[in-house]
PDB file of all heavy atoms in Angstrom:
ATOM      1  N   ASN A   1     149.404  21.748  78.926  1.00  0.00           N
ATOM      2  CA  ASN A   1     149.923  21.639  80.305  1.00  0.00           C
ATOM      3  C   ASN A   1     149.502  22.916  81.060  1.00  0.00           C
ATOM      4  O   ASN A   1     148.931  23.860  80.486  1.00  0.00           O
ATOM      5  CB  ASN A   1     151.443  21.489  80.275  1.00  0.00           C
ATOM      6  CG  ASN A   1     151.972  20.718  81.470  1.00  0.00           C
ATOM      7  OD1 ASN A   1     151.367  20.756  82.548  1.00  0.00           O
ATOM      8  ND2 ASN A   1     153.068  20.034  81.300  1.00  0.00           N
ATOM      9  N   VAL A   2     149.834  22.936  82.365  1.00  0.00           N
ATOM     10  CA  VAL A   2     149.475  24.060  83.200  1.00  0.00           C
ATOM     11  C   VAL A   2     150.535  25.157  83.188  1.00  0.00           C
ATOM     12  O   VAL A   2     150.366  26.199  83.850  1.00  0.00           O
ATOM     13  CB  VAL A   2     149.251  23.589  84.653  1.00  0.00           C
ATOM     14  CG1 VAL A   2     148.028  22.677  84.724  1.00  0.00           C
ATOM     15  CG2 VAL A   2     150.488  22.901  85.242  1.00  0.00           C
ATOM     16  N   GLY A   3     151.640  24.955  82.479  1.00  0.00           N
ATOM     17  CA  GLY A   3     152.682  25.932  82.371  1.00  0.00           C
ATOM     18  C   GLY A   3     153.579  25.613  81.197  1.00  0.00           C
ATOM     19  O   GLY A   3     153.592  24.469  80.713  1.00  0.00           O
ATOM     20  N   GLU A   4     154.329  26.572  80.687  1.00  0.00           N
ATOM     21  CA  GLU A   4     155.179  26.376  79.542  1.00  0.00           C
ATOM     22  C   GLU A   4     156.504  25.689  79.866  1.00  0.00           C
ATOM     23  O   GLU A   4     157.081  25.019  79.006  1.00  0.00           O
ATOM     24  CB  GLU A   4     155.480  27.715  78.860  1.00  0.00           C
ATOM     25  CG  GLU A   4     154.248  28.428  78.360  1.00  0.00           C
ATOM     26  CD  GLU A   4     154.593  29.782  77.760  1.00  0.00           C
ATOM     27  OE1 GLU A   4     155.816  30.140  77.758  1.00  0.00           O
ATOM     28  OE2 GLU A   4     153.706  30.443  77.259  1.00  0.00           O
ATOM     29  N   GLU A   5     156.973  25.838  81.108  1.00  0.00           N
ATOM     30  CA  GLU A   5     158.292  25.340  81.452  1.00  0.00           C
ATOM     31  C   GLU A   5     158.349  23.823  81.455  1.00  0.00           C
ATOM     32  O   GLU A   5     157.400  23.143  81.885  1.00  0.00           O
ATOM     33  CB  GLU A   5     158.727  25.870  82.838  1.00  0.00           C
ATOM     34  CG  GLU A   5     158.704  27.382  82.965  1.00  0.00           C
ATOM     35  CD  GLU A   5     157.332  27.902  83.321  1.00  0.00           C
ATOM     36  OE1 GLU A   5     156.377  27.112  83.430  1.00  0.00           O
ATOM     37  OE2 GLU A   5     157.213  29.155  83.461  1.00  0.00           O
ATOM     38  N   PRO A   6     159.462  23.225  81.008  1.00  0.00           N
ATOM     39  CA  PRO A   6     159.666  21.768  81.096  1.00  0.00           C
ATOM     40  C   PRO A   6     159.601  21.353  82.607  1.00  0.00           C
ATOM     41  O   PRO A   6     160.063  22.097  83.484  1.00  0.00           O
ATOM     42  CB  PRO A   6     161.072  21.547  80.548  1.00  0.00           C
ATOM     43  CG  PRO A   6     161.323  22.740  79.671  1.00  0.00           C
ATOM     44  CD  PRO A   6     160.614  23.876  80.331  1.00  0.00           C
ATOM     45  N   GLY A   7     159.049  20.214  82.861  1.00  0.00           N
ATOM     46  CA  GLY A   7     158.938  19.758  84.251  1.00  0.00           C
ATOM     47  C   GLY A   7     157.642  20.132  84.932  1.00  0.00           C
ATOM     48  O   GLY A   7     157.381  19.717  86.042  1.00  0.00           O
ATOM     49  N   LYS A   8     156.816  20.904  84.227  1.00  0.00           N
ATOM     50  CA  LYS A   8     155.513  21.276  84.774  1.00  0.00           C
ATOM     51  C   LYS A   8     154.499  20.162  84.641  1.00  0.00           C
ATOM     52  O   LYS A   8     154.666  19.231  83.829  1.00  0.00           O
ATOM     53  CB  LYS A   8     154.944  22.491  84.024  1.00  0.00           C
ATOM     54  CG  LYS A   8     155.582  23.819  84.406  1.00  0.00           C
ATOM     55  CD  LYS A   8     154.902  24.359  85.671  1.00  0.00           C
ATOM     56  CE  LYS A   8     155.367  25.795  85.931  1.00  0.00           C
ATOM     57  NZ  LYS A   8     154.682  26.361  87.107  1.00  0.00           N
ATOM     58  N   GLY A   9     153.428  20.182  85.456  1.00  0.00           N
ATOM     59  CA  GLY A   9     152.335  19.268  85.287  1.00  0.00           C
ATOM     60  C   GLY A   9     152.436  18.004  86.109  1.00  0.00           C
ATOM     61  O   GLY A   9     153.313  17.831  86.940  1.00  0.00           O
ATOM     62  N   ASN A  10     151.516  17.114  85.824  1.00  0.00           N
ATOM     63  CA  ASN A  10     151.465  15.830  86.524  1.00  0.00           C
ATOM     64  C   ASN A  10     152.460  14.827  85.889  1.00  0.00           C
ATOM     65  O   ASN A  10     153.146  15.176  84.901  1.00  0.00           O
ATOM     66  CB  ASN A  10     150.037  15.236  86.510  1.00  0.00           C
ATOM     67  CG  ASN A  10     149.472  15.117  85.104  1.00  0.00           C
ATOM     68  OD1 ASN A  10     150.193  15.132  84.128  1.00  0.00           O
ATOM     69  ND2 ASN A  10     148.141  15.064  85.012  1.00  0.00           N
ATOM     70  N   GLU A  11     152.478  13.621  86.401  1.00  0.00           N
ATOM     71  CA  GLU A  11     153.444  12.633  85.903  1.00  0.00           C
ATOM     72  C   GLU A  11     153.210  12.288  84.429  1.00  0.00           C
ATOM     73  O   GLU A  11     154.150  12.038  83.674  1.00  0.00           O
ATOM     74  CB  GLU A  11     153.412  11.370  86.742  1.00  0.00           C
ATOM     75  CG  GLU A  11     154.131  11.508  88.065  1.00  0.00           C
ATOM     76  CD  GLU A  11     155.587  11.913  87.881  1.00  0.00           C
ATOM     77  OE1 GLU A  11     156.277  11.256  87.094  1.00  0.00           O
ATOM     78  OE2 GLU A  11     156.014  12.871  88.540  1.00  0.00           O
ATOM     79  N   LEU A  12     151.943  12.275  84.025  1.00  0.00           N
ATOM     80  CA  LEU A  12     151.627  11.986  82.629  1.00  0.00           C
ATOM     81  C   LEU A  12     152.291  13.020  81.706  1.00  0.00           C
ATOM     82  O   LEU A  12     152.924  12.675  80.709  1.00  0.00           O
ATOM     83  CB  LEU A  12     150.101  11.972  82.388  1.00  0.00           C
ATOM     84  CG  LEU A  12     149.636  11.876  80.951  1.00  0.00           C
ATOM     85  CD1 LEU A  12     150.048  10.547  80.324  1.00  0.00           C
ATOM     86  CD2 LEU A  12     148.077  12.055  80.858  1.00  0.00           C
ATOM     87  N   CYS A  13     152.139  14.285  82.052  1.00  0.00           N
ATOM     88  CA  CYS A  13     152.726  15.364  81.232  1.00  0.00           C
ATOM     89  C   CYS A  13     154.244  15.326  81.264  1.00  0.00           C
ATOM     90  O   CYS A  13     154.900  15.520  80.228  1.00  0.00           O
ATOM     91  CB  CYS A  13     152.203  16.715  81.699  1.00  0.00           C
ATOM     92  SG  CYS A  13     150.475  17.017  81.346  1.00  0.00           S
ATOM     93  N   LYS A  14     154.830  15.076  82.430  1.00  0.00           N
ATOM     94  CA  LYS A  14     156.282  15.048  82.550  1.00  0.00           C
ATOM     95  C   LYS A  14     156.875  13.922  81.687  1.00  0.00           C
ATOM     96  O   LYS A  14     157.885  14.126  80.994  1.00  0.00           O
ATOM     97  CB  LYS A  14     156.689  14.879  83.997  1.00  0.00           C
ATOM     98  CG  LYS A  14     156.340  16.093  84.879  1.00  0.00           C
ATOM     99  CD  LYS A  14     156.688  15.806  86.337  1.00  0.00           C
ATOM    100  CE  LYS A  14     156.315  16.982  87.205  1.00  0.00           C
ATOM    101  NZ  LYS A  14     156.560  16.710  88.642  1.00  0.00           N
ATOM    102  N   GLN A  15     156.295  12.738  81.765  1.00  0.00           N
ATOM    103  CA  GLN A  15     156.792  11.607  80.988  1.00  0.00           C
ATOM    104  C   GLN A  15     156.547  11.776  79.507  1.00  0.00           C
ATOM    105  O   GLN A  15     157.376  11.467  78.643  1.00  0.00           O
ATOM    106  CB  GLN A  15     156.189  10.317  81.464  1.00  0.00           C
ATOM    107  CG  GLN A  15     156.573   9.932  82.884  1.00  0.00           C
ATOM    108  CD  GLN A  15     158.057   9.861  83.088  1.00  0.00           C
ATOM    109  OE1 GLN A  15     158.777   9.289  82.262  1.00  0.00           O
ATOM    110  NE2 GLN A  15     158.563  10.454  84.161  1.00  0.00           N
ATOM    111  N   THR A  16     155.386  12.341  79.145  1.00  0.00           N
ATOM    112  CA  THR A  16     155.046  12.561  77.768  1.00  0.00           C
ATOM    113  C   THR A  16     156.012  13.607  77.135  1.00  0.00           C
ATOM    114  O   THR A  16     156.413  13.447  75.996  1.00  0.00           O
ATOM    115  CB  THR A  16     153.620  13.045  77.621  1.00  0.00           C
ATOM    116  OG1 THR A  16     152.704  12.081  78.141  1.00  0.00           O
ATOM    117  CG2 THR A  16     153.217  13.268  76.141  1.00  0.00           C
ATOM    118  N   TYR A  17     156.354  14.613  77.894  1.00  0.00           N
ATOM    119  CA  TYR A  17     157.248  15.636  77.402  1.00  0.00           C
ATOM    120  C   TYR A  17     158.575  14.995  76.914  1.00  0.00           C
ATOM    121  O   TYR A  17     159.099  15.337  75.856  1.00  0.00           O
ATOM    122  CB  TYR A  17     157.523  16.637  78.518  1.00  0.00           C
ATOM    123  CG  TYR A  17     158.271  17.880  78.065  1.00  0.00           C
ATOM    124  CD1 TYR A  17     157.586  19.055  77.821  1.00  0.00           C
ATOM    125  CD2 TYR A  17     159.648  17.890  77.904  1.00  0.00           C
ATOM    126  CE1 TYR A  17     158.225  20.212  77.402  1.00  0.00           C
ATOM    127  CE2 TYR A  17     160.323  19.042  77.505  1.00  0.00           C
ATOM    128  CZ  TYR A  17     159.609  20.196  77.265  1.00  0.00           C
ATOM    129  OH  TYR A  17     160.266  21.335  76.828  1.00  0.00           O
ATOM    130  N   LYS A  18     159.110  14.076  77.716  1.00  0.00           N
ATOM    131  CA  LYS A  18     160.350  13.405  77.350  1.00  0.00           C
ATOM    132  C   LYS A  18     160.213  12.619  76.054  1.00  0.00           C
ATOM    133  O   LYS A  18     161.082  12.669  75.198  1.00  0.00           O
ATOM    134  CB  LYS A  18     160.797  12.476  78.479  1.00  0.00           C
ATOM    135  CG  LYS A  18     161.117  13.126  79.786  1.00  0.00           C
ATOM    136  CD  LYS A  18     161.475  12.077  80.844  1.00  0.00           C
ATOM    137  CE  LYS A  18     161.698  12.713  82.179  1.00  0.00           C
ATOM    138  NZ  LYS A  18     162.006  11.685  83.222  1.00  0.00           N
ATOM    139  N   LEU A  19     159.084  11.926  75.897  1.00  0.00           N
ATOM    140  CA  LEU A  19     158.880  11.128  74.704  1.00  0.00           C
ATOM    141  C   LEU A  19     158.729  11.998  73.481  1.00  0.00           C
ATOM    142  O   LEU A  19     159.255  11.689  72.391  1.00  0.00           O
ATOM    143  CB  LEU A  19     157.627  10.260  74.866  1.00  0.00           C
ATOM    144  CG  LEU A  19     157.674   9.205  76.002  1.00  0.00           C
ATOM    145  CD1 LEU A  19     156.355   8.407  75.985  1.00  0.00           C
ATOM    146  CD2 LEU A  19     158.848   8.298  75.851  1.00  0.00           C
ATOM    147  N   LEU A  20     157.989  13.098  73.609  1.00  0.00           N
ATOM    148  CA  LEU A  20     157.778  14.007  72.450  1.00  0.00           C
ATOM    149  C   LEU A  20     159.066  14.692  72.020  1.00  0.00           C
ATOM    150  O   LEU A  20     159.262  14.969  70.848  1.00  0.00           O
ATOM    151  CB  LEU A  20     156.696  15.026  72.779  1.00  0.00           C
ATOM    152  CG  LEU A  20     155.295  14.485  73.044  1.00  0.00           C
ATOM    153  CD1 LEU A  20     154.289  15.595  73.271  1.00  0.00           C
ATOM    154  CD2 LEU A  20     154.827  13.549  71.937  1.00  0.00           C
ATOM    155  N   GLN A  21     159.951  14.943  73.001  1.00  0.00           N
ATOM    156  CA  GLN A  21     161.230  15.543  72.671  1.00  0.00           C
ATOM    157  C   GLN A  21     162.037  14.598  71.734  1.00  0.00           C
ATOM    158  O   GLN A  21     162.802  15.084  70.869  1.00  0.00           O
ATOM    159  CB  GLN A  21     162.061  15.798  73.923  1.00  0.00           C
ATOM    160  CG  GLN A  21     161.735  17.107  74.607  1.00  0.00           C
ATOM    161  CD  GLN A  21     162.687  17.354  75.756  1.00  0.00           C
ATOM    162  OE1 GLN A  21     162.902  16.509  76.637  1.00  0.00           O
ATOM    163  NE2 GLN A  21     163.313  18.531  75.758  1.00  0.00           N
ATOM    164  N   ALA A  22     161.876  13.295  71.944  1.00  0.00           N
ATOM    165  CA  ALA A  22     162.665  12.344  71.174  1.00  0.00           C
ATOM    166  C   ALA A  22     161.971  11.885  69.909  1.00  0.00           C
ATOM    167  O   ALA A  22     162.580  11.197  69.076  1.00  0.00           O
ATOM    168  CB  ALA A  22     162.972  11.106  72.073  1.00  0.00           C
ATOM    169  N   ALA A  23     160.705  12.261  69.734  1.00  0.00           N
ATOM    170  CA  ALA A  23     159.931  11.804  68.557  1.00  0.00           C
ATOM    171  C   ALA A  23     160.302  12.597  67.321  1.00  0.00           C
ATOM    172  O   ALA A  23     160.713  13.767  67.411  1.00  0.00           O
ATOM    173  CB  ALA A  23     158.444  11.919  68.863  1.00  0.00           C
ATOM    174  N   PRO A  24     160.124  12.016  66.130  1.00  0.00           N
ATOM    175  CA  PRO A  24     160.428  12.691  64.866  1.00  0.00           C
ATOM    176  C   PRO A  24     159.323  13.636  64.438  1.00  0.00           C
ATOM    177  O   PRO A  24     158.693  13.472  63.405  1.00  0.00           O
ATOM    178  CB  PRO A  24     160.580  11.552  63.906  1.00  0.00           C
ATOM    179  CG  PRO A  24     159.688  10.474  64.418  1.00  0.00           C
ATOM    180  CD  PRO A  24     159.750  10.599  65.930  1.00  0.00           C
ATOM    181  N   ILE A  25     159.022  14.632  65.273  1.00  0.00           N
ATOM    182  CA  ILE A  25     157.993  15.622  65.039  1.00  0.00           C
ATOM    183  C   ILE A  25     158.576  16.993  65.414  1.00  0.00           C
ATOM    184  O   ILE A  25     159.599  17.107  66.046  1.00  0.00           O
ATOM    185  CB  ILE A  25     156.749  15.357  65.881  1.00  0.00           C
ATOM    186  CG1 ILE A  25     157.092  15.323  67.375  1.00  0.00           C
ATOM    187  CG2 ILE A  25     156.060  14.065  65.447  1.00  0.00           C
ATOM    188  CD1 ILE A  25     155.906  15.185  68.293  1.00  0.00           C
ATOM    189  N   HIS A  26     157.855  18.055  65.023  1.00  0.00           N
ATOM    190  CA  HIS A  26     158.280  19.414  65.410  1.00  0.00           C
ATOM    191  C   HIS A  26     157.613  19.764  66.734  1.00  0.00           C
ATOM    192  O   HIS A  26     156.590  20.437  66.784  1.00  0.00           O
ATOM    193  CB  HIS A  26     157.856  20.381  64.292  1.00  0.00           C
ATOM    194  CG  HIS A  26     158.275  21.782  64.587  1.00  0.00           C
ATOM    195  ND1 HIS A  26     157.775  22.867  63.871  1.00  0.00           N
ATOM    196  CD2 HIS A  26     159.125  22.313  65.483  1.00  0.00           C
ATOM    197  CE1 HIS A  26     158.297  23.979  64.345  1.00  0.00           C
ATOM    198  NE2 HIS A  26     159.097  23.666  65.331  1.00  0.00           N
ATOM    199  N   PHE A  27     158.239  19.308  67.825  1.00  0.00           N
ATOM    200  CA  PHE A  27     157.687  19.493  69.171  1.00  0.00           C
ATOM    201  C   PHE A  27     158.125  20.855  69.702  1.00  0.00           C
ATOM    202  O   PHE A  27     159.326  21.154  69.756  1.00  0.00           O
ATOM    203  CB  PHE A  27     158.127  18.382  70.095  1.00  0.00           C
ATOM    204  CG  PHE A  27     157.633  18.518  71.501  1.00  0.00           C
ATOM    205  CD1 PHE A  27     156.314  18.694  71.770  1.00  0.00           C
ATOM    206  CD2 PHE A  27     158.553  18.451  72.588  1.00  0.00           C
ATOM    207  CE1 PHE A  27     155.838  18.808  73.096  1.00  0.00           C
ATOM    208  CE2 PHE A  27     158.084  18.547  73.883  1.00  0.00           C
ATOM    209  CZ  PHE A  27     156.717  18.735  74.123  1.00  0.00           C
TER     210      PHE A  27
END
C-alpha cells in the first residue's frame, strides 16, 4: 500500500485490508 495506516490506499486496498484481518493468516 501507499502507507502503513489502516484506511490508506484505493478501494481495492481498503476492502482487501478488511478481508485479510478476518482471514486465518498472520496479517
